[in-house]
Amino acid sequence: AGDSFDSFPNGIAAFFGPDAIPQAGFAQIVAFVGALELGVMKDIEGTGNEFVGDFRNGSIDFGWDTFDEETQLSKRAIELNNGRAAMMGILGLMVHEQLGGVLPVVGEM
C-alpha cells in the first residue's frame, strides 16, 4: 500500500528528481506547515507570551512559570545554543551531500 520510506532518496533528491516523492505528498507537507504557521504557531498578544517565540498562548505550561527569572534566562540561552548547534550540524550535512563521497557517520552519500 504505497511507497516505503526507503524507496525515496535522501536530501534534496527526495523533492526533485526521478525518484522524488509525488507532488501530492509535497503539497501535503506544504499544506501542513502552512496550517501550523497560520493556525497554531501564532503570537497572540495578551495570552501570557513572555518573550519573542513564546507560542504557548496561555494553553501549554510544563512548569515554566515555576522557574525564577535567572533559571528562565539560562534555559532560554541553552535552547538557543542547542538550536544553533543543530543548524550548524544540518548545514554540514547539506554541504557534504553536495560534495559527495563517504562520510564516517552517514556512510555513502
PDB file of N, CA and C in Angstrom:
ATOM      1  N   ALA A   1       0.843  -1.186   0.000  1.00  0.00           N
ATOM      2  CA  ALA A   1       0.000   0.000   0.000  1.00  0.00           C
ATOM      3  C   ALA A   1       0.872   1.227   0.000  1.00  0.00           C
ATOM      4  N   GLY A   2       1.244   1.699  -1.174  1.00  0.00           N
ATOM      5  CA  GLY A   2       2.053   2.909  -1.269  1.00  0.00           C
ATOM      6  C   GLY A   2       3.531   2.612  -1.239  1.00  0.00           C
ATOM      7  N   ASP A   3       4.300   3.669  -1.086  1.00  0.00           N
ATOM      8  CA  ASP A   3       5.757   3.554  -1.082  1.00  0.00           C
ATOM      9  C   ASP A   3       6.284   3.541   0.353  1.00  0.00           C
ATOM     10  N   SER A   4       7.417   2.878   0.542  1.00  0.00           N
ATOM     11  CA  SER A   4       8.056   2.889   1.854  1.00  0.00           C
ATOM     12  C   SER A   4       9.070   4.030   1.904  1.00  0.00           C
ATOM     13  N   PHE A   5       9.482   4.376   3.103  1.00  0.00           N
ATOM     14  CA  PHE A   5      10.410   5.486   3.259  1.00  0.00           C
ATOM     15  C   PHE A   5      11.736   5.224   2.551  1.00  0.00           C
ATOM     16  N   ASP A   6      12.195   3.987   2.562  1.00  0.00           N
ATOM     17  CA  ASP A   6      13.494   3.696   1.955  1.00  0.00           C
ATOM     18  C   ASP A   6      13.448   3.665   0.427  1.00  0.00           C
ATOM     19  N   SER A   7      12.276   3.854  -0.165  1.00  0.00           N
ATOM     20  CA  SER A   7      12.193   3.893  -1.630  1.00  0.00           C
ATOM     21  C   SER A   7      12.473   5.285  -2.185  1.00  0.00           C
ATOM     22  N   PHE A   8      12.620   6.267  -1.299  1.00  0.00           N
ATOM     23  CA  PHE A   8      12.913   7.631  -1.741  1.00  0.00           C
ATOM     24  C   PHE A   8      14.356   7.981  -1.414  1.00  0.00           C
ATOM     25  N   PRO A   9      15.003   8.790  -2.253  1.00  0.00           N
ATOM     26  CA  PRO A   9      16.396   9.164  -1.981  1.00  0.00           C
ATOM     27  C   PRO A   9      16.492  10.154  -0.819  1.00  0.00           C
ATOM     28  N   ASN A  10      17.700  10.349  -0.341  1.00  0.00           N
ATOM     29  CA  ASN A  10      17.959  11.280   0.748  1.00  0.00           C
ATOM     30  C   ASN A  10      18.173  12.694   0.214  1.00  0.00           C
ATOM     31  N   GLY A  11      18.038  13.658   1.109  1.00  0.00           N
ATOM     32  CA  GLY A  11      18.382  15.034   0.795  1.00  0.00           C
ATOM     33  C   GLY A  11      17.427  15.685  -0.178  1.00  0.00           C
ATOM     34  N   ILE A  12      17.974  16.604  -0.956  1.00  0.00           N
ATOM     35  CA  ILE A  12      17.165  17.397  -1.886  1.00  0.00           C
ATOM     36  C   ILE A  12      16.620  16.526  -3.017  1.00  0.00           C
ATOM     37  N   ALA A  13      17.265  15.390  -3.262  1.00  0.00           N
ATOM     38  CA  ALA A  13      16.790  14.482  -4.307  1.00  0.00           C
ATOM     39  C   ALA A  13      15.425  13.890  -3.969  1.00  0.00           C
ATOM     40  N   ALA A  14      15.024  13.950  -2.679  1.00  0.00           N
ATOM     41  CA  ALA A  14      13.699  13.456  -2.302  1.00  0.00           C
ATOM     42  C   ALA A  14      12.601  14.362  -2.830  1.00  0.00           C
ATOM     43  N   PHE A  15      12.924  15.612  -3.118  1.00  0.00           N
ATOM     44  CA  PHE A  15      11.923  16.558  -3.616  1.00  0.00           C
ATOM     45  C   PHE A  15      12.031  16.787  -5.122  1.00  0.00           C
ATOM     46  N   PHE A  16      13.234  16.660  -5.665  1.00  0.00           N
ATOM     47  CA  PHE A  16      13.437  16.926  -7.082  1.00  0.00           C
ATOM     48  C   PHE A  16      14.224  15.774  -7.685  1.00  0.00           C
ATOM     49  N   GLY A  17      13.754  15.257  -8.795  1.00  0.00           N
ATOM     50  CA  GLY A  17      14.473  14.176  -9.453  1.00  0.00           C
ATOM     51  C   GLY A  17      13.541  13.050  -9.856  1.00  0.00           C
ATOM     52  N   PRO A  18      14.105  12.025 -10.461  1.00  0.00           N
ATOM     53  CA  PRO A  18      13.266  10.939 -10.988  1.00  0.00           C
ATOM     54  C   PRO A  18      12.590  10.102  -9.902  1.00  0.00           C
ATOM     55  N   ASP A  19      13.223   9.943  -8.737  1.00  0.00           N
ATOM     56  CA  ASP A  19      12.646   9.127  -7.666  1.00  0.00           C
ATOM     57  C   ASP A  19      12.064   9.971  -6.547  1.00  0.00           C
ATOM     58  N   ALA A  20      11.679  11.200  -6.846  1.00  0.00           N
ATOM     59  CA  ALA A  20      11.185  12.121  -5.824  1.00  0.00           C
ATOM     60  C   ALA A  20       9.805  11.697  -5.317  1.00  0.00           C
ATOM     61  N   ILE A  21       9.449  12.232  -4.145  1.00  0.00           N
ATOM     62  CA  ILE A  21       8.111  11.955  -3.615  1.00  0.00           C
ATOM     63  C   ILE A  21       7.081  12.546  -4.574  1.00  0.00           C
ATOM     64  N   PRO A  22       5.883  11.985  -4.630  1.00  0.00           N
ATOM     65  CA  PRO A  22       4.856  12.521  -5.538  1.00  0.00           C
ATOM     66  C   PRO A  22       4.518  13.976  -5.196  1.00  0.00           C
ATOM     67  N   GLN A  23       4.065  14.703  -6.181  1.00  0.00           N
ATOM     68  CA  GLN A  23       3.731  16.117  -5.969  1.00  0.00           C
ATOM     69  C   GLN A  23       2.615  16.281  -4.949  1.00  0.00           C
ATOM     70  N   ALA A  24       1.691  15.328  -4.886  1.00  0.00           N
ATOM     71  CA  ALA A  24       0.621  15.410  -3.887  1.00  0.00           C
ATOM     72  C   ALA A  24       1.189  15.295  -2.473  1.00  0.00           C
ATOM     73  N   GLY A  25       2.210  14.471  -2.294  1.00  0.00           N
ATOM     74  CA  GLY A  25       2.857  14.350  -0.990  1.00  0.00           C
ATOM     75  C   GLY A  25       3.577  15.623  -0.608  1.00  0.00           C
ATOM     76  N   PHE A  26       4.256  16.229  -1.585  1.00  0.00           N
ATOM     77  CA  PHE A  26       4.929  17.507  -1.343  1.00  0.00           C
ATOM     78  C   PHE A  26       3.905  18.582  -0.991  1.00  0.00           C
ATOM     79  N   ALA A  27       2.771  18.572  -1.664  1.00  0.00           N
ATOM     80  CA  ALA A  27       1.708  19.542  -1.374  1.00  0.00           C
ATOM     81  C   ALA A  27       1.150  19.336   0.035  1.00  0.00           C
ATOM     82  N   GLN A  28       1.049  18.081   0.489  1.00  0.00           N
ATOM     83  CA  GLN A  28       0.585  17.807   1.848  1.00  0.00           C
ATOM     84  C   GLN A  28       1.559  18.369   2.887  1.00  0.00           C
ATOM     85  N   ILE A  29       2.836  18.229   2.632  1.00  0.00           N
ATOM     86  CA  ILE A  29       3.840  18.771   3.551  1.00  0.00           C
ATOM     87  C   ILE A  29       3.713  20.282   3.637  1.00  0.00           C
ATOM     88  N   VAL A  30       3.610  20.937   2.487  1.00  0.00           N
ATOM     89  CA  VAL A  30       3.491  22.398   2.449  1.00  0.00           C
ATOM     90  C   VAL A  30       2.194  22.849   3.125  1.00  0.00           C
ATOM     91  N   ALA A  31       1.098  22.131   2.883  1.00  0.00           N
ATOM     92  CA  ALA A  31      -0.184  22.493   3.498  1.00  0.00           C
ATOM     93  C   ALA A  31      -0.141  22.319   5.015  1.00  0.00           C
ATOM     94  N   PHE A  32       0.508  21.259   5.489  1.00  0.00           N
ATOM     95  CA  PHE A  32       0.603  21.028   6.936  1.00  0.00           C
ATOM     96  C   PHE A  32       1.429  22.124   7.606  1.00  0.00           C
ATOM     97  N   VAL A  33       2.550  22.470   7.012  1.00  0.00           N
ATOM     98  CA  VAL A  33       3.381  23.542   7.572  1.00  0.00           C
ATOM     99  C   VAL A  33       2.624  24.858   7.536  1.00  0.00           C
ATOM    100  N   GLY A  34       1.904  25.118   6.460  1.00  0.00           N
ATOM    101  CA  GLY A  34       1.107  26.335   6.370  1.00  0.00           C
ATOM    102  C   GLY A  34       0.015  26.390   7.426  1.00  0.00           C
ATOM    103  N   ALA A  35      -0.648  25.260   7.672  1.00  0.00           N
ATOM    104  CA  ALA A  35      -1.690  25.221   8.705  1.00  0.00           C
ATOM    105  C   ALA A  35      -1.101  25.484  10.090  1.00  0.00           C
ATOM    106  N   LEU A  36       0.083  24.927  10.366  1.00  0.00           N
ATOM    107  CA  LEU A  36       0.735  25.200  11.648  1.00  0.00           C
ATOM    108  C   LEU A  36       1.082  26.682  11.782  1.00  0.00           C
ATOM    109  N   GLU A  37       1.616  27.255  10.725  1.00  0.00           N
ATOM    110  CA  GLU A  37       2.015  28.665  10.770  1.00  0.00           C
ATOM    111  C   GLU A  37       0.816  29.593  10.951  1.00  0.00           C
ATOM    112  N   LEU A  38      -0.276  29.294  10.267  1.00  0.00           N
ATOM    113  CA  LEU A  38      -1.428  30.197  10.296  1.00  0.00           C
ATOM    114  C   LEU A  38      -2.376  29.936  11.452  1.00  0.00           C
ATOM    115  N   GLY A  39      -2.447  28.685  11.931  1.00  0.00           N
ATOM    116  CA  GLY A  39      -3.447  28.368  12.933  1.00  0.00           C
ATOM    117  C   GLY A  39      -2.945  28.081  14.328  1.00  0.00           C
ATOM    118  N   VAL A  40      -1.739  27.521  14.445  1.00  0.00           N
ATOM    119  CA  VAL A  40      -1.273  27.076  15.747  1.00  0.00           C
ATOM    120  C   VAL A  40      -0.157  27.962  16.289  1.00  0.00           C
ATOM    121  N   MET A  41       0.871  28.176  15.503  1.00  0.00           N
ATOM    122  CA  MET A  41       2.061  28.896  15.963  1.00  0.00           C
ATOM    123  C   MET A  41       1.881  30.404  15.789  1.00  0.00           C
ATOM    124  N   LYS A  42       0.913  30.950  16.497  1.00  0.00           N
ATOM    125  CA  LYS A  42       0.610  32.372  16.391  1.00  0.00           C
ATOM    126  C   LYS A  42       1.046  33.081  17.665  1.00  0.00           C
ATOM    127  N   ASP A  43       1.546  34.275  17.504  1.00  0.00           N
ATOM    128  CA  ASP A  43       1.950  35.088  18.643  1.00  0.00           C
ATOM    129  C   ASP A  43       0.765  35.972  19.007  1.00  0.00           C
ATOM    130  N   ILE A  44      -0.079  35.484  19.908  1.00  0.00           N
ATOM    131  CA  ILE A  44      -1.303  36.184  20.283  1.00  0.00           C
ATOM    132  C   ILE A  44      -1.020  37.063  21.492  1.00  0.00           C
ATOM    133  N   GLU A  45      -1.197  38.342  21.333  1.00  0.00           N
ATOM    134  CA  GLU A  45      -0.933  39.290  22.419  1.00  0.00           C
ATOM    135  C   GLU A  45      -1.905  39.079  23.578  1.00  0.00           C
ATOM    136  N   GLY A  46      -1.382  39.259  24.799  1.00  0.00           N
ATOM    137  CA  GLY A  46      -2.233  39.187  25.975  1.00  0.00           C
ATOM    138  C   GLY A  46      -2.560  37.790  26.449  1.00  0.00           C
ATOM    139  N   THR A  47      -1.857  36.776  25.938  1.00  0.00           N
ATOM    140  CA  THR A  47      -2.146  35.402  26.366  1.00  0.00           C
ATOM    141  C   THR A  47      -0.987  34.803  27.135  1.00  0.00           C
ATOM    142  N   GLY A  48      -0.169  35.626  27.740  1.00  0.00           N
ATOM    143  CA  GLY A  48       0.920  35.134  28.567  1.00  0.00           C
ATOM    144  C   GLY A  48       2.237  34.978  27.849  1.00  0.00           C
ATOM    145  N   ASN A  49       2.355  35.492  26.641  1.00  0.00           N
ATOM    146  CA  ASN A  49       3.618  35.405  25.923  1.00  0.00           C
ATOM    147  C   ASN A  49       4.635  36.316  26.589  1.00  0.00           C
ATOM    148  N   GLU A  50       5.710  35.723  27.088  1.00  0.00           N
ATOM    149  CA  GLU A  50       6.689  36.484  27.841  1.00  0.00           C
ATOM    150  C   GLU A  50       7.834  37.002  26.979  1.00  0.00           C
ATOM    151  N   PHE A  51       8.095  36.366  25.852  1.00  0.00           N
ATOM    152  CA  PHE A  51       9.244  36.731  25.022  1.00  0.00           C
ATOM    153  C   PHE A  51       8.949  36.322  23.584  1.00  0.00           C
ATOM    154  N   VAL A  52       9.750  36.819  22.667  1.00  0.00           N
ATOM    155  CA  VAL A  52       9.579  36.501  21.254  1.00  0.00           C
ATOM    156  C   VAL A  52       9.777  35.001  21.050  1.00  0.00           C
ATOM    157  N   GLY A  53       8.855  34.364  20.371  1.00  0.00           N
ATOM    158  CA  GLY A  53       8.924  32.928  20.143  1.00  0.00           C
ATOM    159  C   GLY A  53       8.198  32.097  21.185  1.00  0.00           C
ATOM    160  N   ASP A  54       7.565  32.740  22.162  1.00  0.00           N
ATOM    161  CA  ASP A  54       6.796  32.026  23.181  1.00  0.00           C
ATOM    162  C   ASP A  54       5.390  31.801  22.624  1.00  0.00           C
ATOM    163  N   PHE A  55       5.155  30.610  22.063  1.00  0.00           N
ATOM    164  CA  PHE A  55       3.889  30.311  21.406  1.00  0.00           C
ATOM    165  C   PHE A  55       2.954  29.495  22.287  1.00  0.00           C
ATOM    166  N   ARG A  56       3.109  29.556  23.601  1.00  0.00           N
ATOM    167  CA  ARG A  56       2.223  28.798  24.486  1.00  0.00           C
ATOM    168  C   ARG A  56       0.797  29.326  24.408  1.00  0.00           C
ATOM    169  N   ASN A  57       0.656  30.605  24.231  1.00  0.00           N
ATOM    170  CA  ASN A  57      -0.656  31.254  24.090  1.00  0.00           C
ATOM    171  C   ASN A  57      -1.612  30.899  25.224  1.00  0.00           C
ATOM    172  N   GLY A  58      -1.065  30.759  26.418  1.00  0.00           N
ATOM    173  CA  GLY A  58      -1.902  30.514  27.583  1.00  0.00           C
ATOM    174  C   GLY A  58      -2.453  29.110  27.704  1.00  0.00           C
ATOM    175  N   SER A  59      -2.040  28.172  26.828  1.00  0.00           N
ATOM    176  CA  SER A  59      -2.641  26.844  26.874  1.00  0.00           C
ATOM    177  C   SER A  59      -1.671  25.760  27.324  1.00  0.00           C
ATOM    178  N   ILE A  60      -0.388  25.909  27.041  1.00  0.00           N
ATOM    179  CA  ILE A  60       0.577  24.873  27.376  1.00  0.00           C
ATOM    180  C   ILE A  60       1.548  25.438  28.400  1.00  0.00           C
ATOM    181  N   ASP A  61       1.701  24.738  29.518  1.00  0.00           N
ATOM    182  CA  ASP A  61       2.674  25.158  30.512  1.00  0.00           C
ATOM    183  C   ASP A  61       3.197  23.924  31.225  1.00  0.00           C
ATOM    184  N   PHE A  62       4.448  23.587  30.941  1.00  0.00           N
ATOM    185  CA  PHE A  62       5.065  22.423  31.568  1.00  0.00           C
ATOM    186  C   PHE A  62       5.916  22.853  32.757  1.00  0.00           C
ATOM    187  N   GLY A  63       5.433  23.807  33.538  1.00  0.00           N
ATOM    188  CA  GLY A  63       6.140  24.256  34.718  1.00  0.00           C
ATOM    189  C   GLY A  63       7.047  25.447  34.486  1.00  0.00           C
ATOM    190  N   TRP A  64       6.958  26.064  33.329  1.00  0.00           N
ATOM    191  CA  TRP A  64       7.823  27.199  33.011  1.00  0.00           C
ATOM    192  C   TRP A  64       7.643  28.338  34.019  1.00  0.00           C
ATOM    193  N   ASP A  65       6.422  28.573  34.420  1.00  0.00           N
ATOM    194  CA  ASP A  65       6.144  29.683  35.327  1.00  0.00           C
ATOM    195  C   ASP A  65       6.651  29.428  36.745  1.00  0.00           C
ATOM    196  N   THR A  66       7.047  28.198  37.052  1.00  0.00           N
ATOM    197  CA  THR A  66       7.552  27.908  38.392  1.00  0.00           C
ATOM    198  C   THR A  66       9.033  28.252  38.537  1.00  0.00           C
ATOM    199  N   PHE A  67       9.739  28.486  37.423  1.00  0.00           N
ATOM    200  CA  PHE A  67      11.158  28.828  37.487  1.00  0.00           C
ATOM    201  C   PHE A  67      11.331  30.295  37.804  1.00  0.00           C
ATOM    202  N   ASP A  68      12.442  30.616  38.493  1.00  0.00           N
ATOM    203  CA  ASP A  68      12.733  32.025  38.737  1.00  0.00           C
ATOM    204  C   ASP A  68      13.326  32.653  37.468  1.00  0.00           C
ATOM    205  N   GLU A  69      13.475  33.953  37.469  1.00  0.00           N
ATOM    206  CA  GLU A  69      13.904  34.699  36.278  1.00  0.00           C
ATOM    207  C   GLU A  69      15.275  34.233  35.779  1.00  0.00           C
ATOM    208  N   GLU A  70      16.189  34.006  36.703  1.00  0.00           N
ATOM    209  CA  GLU A  70      17.544  33.596  36.313  1.00  0.00           C
ATOM    210  C   GLU A  70      17.533  32.226  35.635  1.00  0.00           C
ATOM    211  N   THR A  71      16.753  31.301  36.154  1.00  0.00           N
ATOM    212  CA  THR A  71      16.662  29.960  35.559  1.00  0.00           C
ATOM    213  C   THR A  71      16.001  30.022  34.190  1.00  0.00           C
ATOM    214  N   GLN A  72      14.977  30.852  34.039  1.00  0.00           N
ATOM    215  CA  GLN A  72      14.330  31.000  32.737  1.00  0.00           C
ATOM    216  C   GLN A  72      15.308  31.533  31.700  1.00  0.00           C
ATOM    217  N   LEU A  73      16.091  32.561  32.071  1.00  0.00           N
ATOM    218  CA  LEU A  73      17.081  33.105  31.135  1.00  0.00           C
ATOM    219  C   LEU A  73      18.123  32.054  30.771  1.00  0.00           C
ATOM    220  N   SER A  74      18.544  31.268  31.746  1.00  0.00           N
ATOM    221  CA  SER A  74      19.526  30.220  31.490  1.00  0.00           C
ATOM    222  C   SER A  74      18.962  29.165  30.541  1.00  0.00           C
ATOM    223  N   LYS A  75      17.734  28.734  30.783  1.00  0.00           N
ATOM    224  CA  LYS A  75      17.119  27.710  29.934  1.00  0.00           C
ATOM    225  C   LYS A  75      16.882  28.221  28.512  1.00  0.00           C
ATOM    226  N   ARG A  76      16.500  29.478  28.374  1.00  0.00           N
ATOM    227  CA  ARG A  76      16.336  30.046  27.029  1.00  0.00           C
ATOM    228  C   ARG A  76      17.666  30.115  26.298  1.00  0.00           C
ATOM    229  N   ALA A  77      18.739  30.489  27.013  1.00  0.00           N
ATOM    230  CA  ALA A  77      20.066  30.551  26.393  1.00  0.00           C
ATOM    231  C   ALA A  77      20.532  29.161  25.967  1.00  0.00           C
ATOM    232  N   ILE A  78      20.276  28.165  26.801  1.00  0.00           N
ATOM    233  CA  ILE A  78      20.643  26.786  26.457  1.00  0.00           C
ATOM    234  C   ILE A  78      19.882  26.331  25.216  1.00  0.00           C
ATOM    235  N   GLU A  79      18.596  26.642  25.155  1.00  0.00           N
ATOM    236  CA  GLU A  79      17.778  26.247  23.998  1.00  0.00           C
ATOM    237  C   GLU A  79      18.251  26.943  22.719  1.00  0.00           C
ATOM    238  N   LEU A  80      18.592  28.214  22.814  1.00  0.00           N
ATOM    239  CA  LEU A  80      19.115  28.927  21.648  1.00  0.00           C
ATOM    240  C   LEU A  80      20.425  28.319  21.166  1.00  0.00           C
ATOM    241  N   ASN A  81      21.310  27.994  22.097  1.00  0.00           N
ATOM    242  CA  ASN A  81      22.592  27.403  21.710  1.00  0.00           C
ATOM    243  C   ASN A  81      22.406  26.015  21.104  1.00  0.00           C
ATOM    244  N   ASN A  82      21.480  25.222  21.627  1.00  0.00           N
ATOM    245  CA  ASN A  82      21.207  23.914  21.033  1.00  0.00           C
ATOM    246  C   ASN A  82      20.651  24.070  19.621  1.00  0.00           C
ATOM    247  N   GLY A  83      19.786  25.058  19.419  1.00  0.00           N
ATOM    248  CA  GLY A  83      19.258  25.311  18.082  1.00  0.00           C
ATOM    249  C   GLY A  83      20.346  25.725  17.108  1.00  0.00           C
ATOM    250  N   ARG A  84      21.257  26.558  17.584  1.00  0.00           N
ATOM    251  CA  ARG A  84      22.371  26.979  16.724  1.00  0.00           C
ATOM    252  C   ARG A  84      23.261  25.796  16.370  1.00  0.00           C
ATOM    253  N   ALA A  85      23.534  24.938  17.344  1.00  0.00           N
ATOM    254  CA  ALA A  85      24.355  23.755  17.083  1.00  0.00           C
ATOM    255  C   ALA A  85      23.665  22.830  16.078  1.00  0.00           C
ATOM    256  N   ALA A  86      22.350  22.671  16.201  1.00  0.00           N
ATOM    257  CA  ALA A  86      21.613  21.826  15.258  1.00  0.00           C
ATOM    258  C   ALA A  86      21.653  22.411  13.852  1.00  0.00           C
ATOM    259  N   MET A  87      21.546  23.734  13.743  1.00  0.00           N
ATOM    260  CA  MET A  87      21.623  24.364  12.416  1.00  0.00           C
ATOM    261  C   MET A  87      22.998  24.164  11.788  1.00  0.00           C
ATOM    262  N   MET A  88      24.052  24.275  12.584  1.00  0.00           N
ATOM    263  CA  MET A  88      25.391  24.052  12.045  1.00  0.00           C
ATOM    264  C   MET A  88      25.574  22.594  11.623  1.00  0.00           C
ATOM    265  N   GLY A  89      25.010  21.668  12.393  1.00  0.00           N
ATOM    266  CA  GLY A  89      25.112  20.264  12.040  1.00  0.00           C
ATOM    267  C   GLY A  89      24.418  19.938  10.737  1.00  0.00           C
ATOM    268  N   ILE A  90      23.202  20.444  10.565  1.00  0.00           N
ATOM    269  CA  ILE A  90      22.472  20.152   9.321  1.00  0.00           C
ATOM    270  C   ILE A  90      23.120  20.867   8.139  1.00  0.00           C
ATOM    271  N   LEU A  91      23.699  22.055   8.375  1.00  0.00           N
ATOM    272  CA  LEU A  91      24.418  22.743   7.310  1.00  0.00           C
ATOM    273  C   LEU A  91      25.615  21.916   6.863  1.00  0.00           C
ATOM    274  N   GLY A  92      26.333  21.343   7.831  1.00  0.00           N
ATOM    275  CA  GLY A  92      27.461  20.479   7.486  1.00  0.00           C
ATOM    276  C   GLY A  92      27.029  19.266   6.673  1.00  0.00           C
ATOM    277  N   LEU A  93      25.900  18.649   7.041  1.00  0.00           N
ATOM    278  CA  LEU A  93      25.402  17.503   6.275  1.00  0.00           C
ATOM    279  C   LEU A  93      24.992  17.909   4.862  1.00  0.00           C
ATOM    280  N   MET A  94      24.389  19.097   4.725  1.00  0.00           N
ATOM    281  CA  MET A  94      23.983  19.544   3.389  1.00  0.00           C
ATOM    282  C   MET A  94      25.204  19.816   2.514  1.00  0.00           C
ATOM    283  N   VAL A  95      26.250  20.396   3.085  1.00  0.00           N
ATOM    284  CA  VAL A  95      27.476  20.645   2.322  1.00  0.00           C
ATOM    285  C   VAL A  95      28.100  19.332   1.879  1.00  0.00           C
ATOM    286  N   HIS A  96      28.178  18.369   2.798  1.00  0.00           N
ATOM    287  CA  HIS A  96      28.761  17.081   2.433  1.00  0.00           C
ATOM    288  C   HIS A  96      27.919  16.343   1.408  1.00  0.00           C
ATOM    289  N   GLU A  97      26.602  16.539   1.448  1.00  0.00           N
ATOM    290  CA  GLU A  97      25.754  15.907   0.440  1.00  0.00           C
ATOM    291  C   GLU A  97      26.071  16.454  -0.942  1.00  0.00           C
ATOM    292  N   GLN A  98      26.299  17.744  -1.017  1.00  0.00           N
ATOM    293  CA  GLN A  98      26.617  18.350  -2.313  1.00  0.00           C
ATOM    294  C   GLN A  98      28.034  17.995  -2.767  1.00  0.00           C
ATOM    295  N   LEU A  99      28.948  17.806  -1.830  1.00  0.00           N
ATOM    296  CA  LEU A  99      30.315  17.435  -2.189  1.00  0.00           C
ATOM    297  C   LEU A  99      30.414  15.975  -2.624  1.00  0.00           C
ATOM    298  N   GLY A 100      29.549  15.130  -2.064  1.00  0.00           N
ATOM    299  CA  GLY A 100      29.576  13.710  -2.396  1.00  0.00           C
ATOM    300  C   GLY A 100      30.622  12.980  -1.581  1.00  0.00           C
ATOM    301  N   GLY A 101      30.738  11.687  -1.824  1.00  0.00           N
ATOM    302  CA  GLY A 101      31.729  10.894  -1.114  1.00  0.00           C
ATOM    303  C   GLY A 101      31.134  10.087   0.004  1.00  0.00           C
ATOM    304  N   VAL A 102      32.000   9.633   0.894  1.00  0.00           N
ATOM    305  CA  VAL A 102      31.597   8.789   2.016  1.00  0.00           C
ATOM    306  C   VAL A 102      31.865   9.546   3.307  1.00  0.00           C
ATOM    307  N   LEU A 103      30.861   9.596   4.179  1.00  0.00           N
ATOM    308  CA  LEU A 103      31.009  10.224   5.486  1.00  0.00           C
ATOM    309  C   LEU A 103      31.108   9.149   6.556  1.00  0.00           C
ATOM    310  N   PRO A 104      31.915   9.375   7.598  1.00  0.00           N
ATOM    311  CA  PRO A 104      32.052   8.356   8.634  1.00  0.00           C
ATOM    312  C   PRO A 104      30.755   8.012   9.354  1.00  0.00           C
ATOM    313  N   VAL A 105      29.913   9.000   9.609  1.00  0.00           N
ATOM    314  CA  VAL A 105      28.694   8.774  10.373  1.00  0.00           C
ATOM    315  C   VAL A 105      27.554   8.328   9.461  1.00  0.00           C
ATOM    316  N   VAL A 106      27.391   9.003   8.331  1.00  0.00           N
ATOM    317  CA  VAL A 106      26.244   8.786   7.467  1.00  0.00           C
ATOM    318  C   VAL A 106      26.482   7.673   6.450  1.00  0.00           C
ATOM    319  N   GLY A 107      27.725   7.512   6.017  1.00  0.00           N
ATOM    320  CA  GLY A 107      28.029   6.495   5.016  1.00  0.00           C
ATOM    321  C   GLY A 107      28.041   7.067   3.612  1.00  0.00           C
ATOM    322  N   GLU A 108      27.731   6.226   2.645  1.00  0.00           N
ATOM    323  CA  GLU A 108      27.733   6.635   1.241  1.00  0.00           C
ATOM    324  C   GLU A 108      26.669   7.671   0.978  1.00  0.00           C
ATOM    325  N   MET A 109      27.026   8.762   0.329  1.00  0.00           N
ATOM    326  CA  MET A 109      26.074   9.826   0.019  1.00  0.00           C
ATOM    327  C   MET A 109      25.568   9.676  -1.400  1.00  0.00           C
TER     328      MET A 109
END
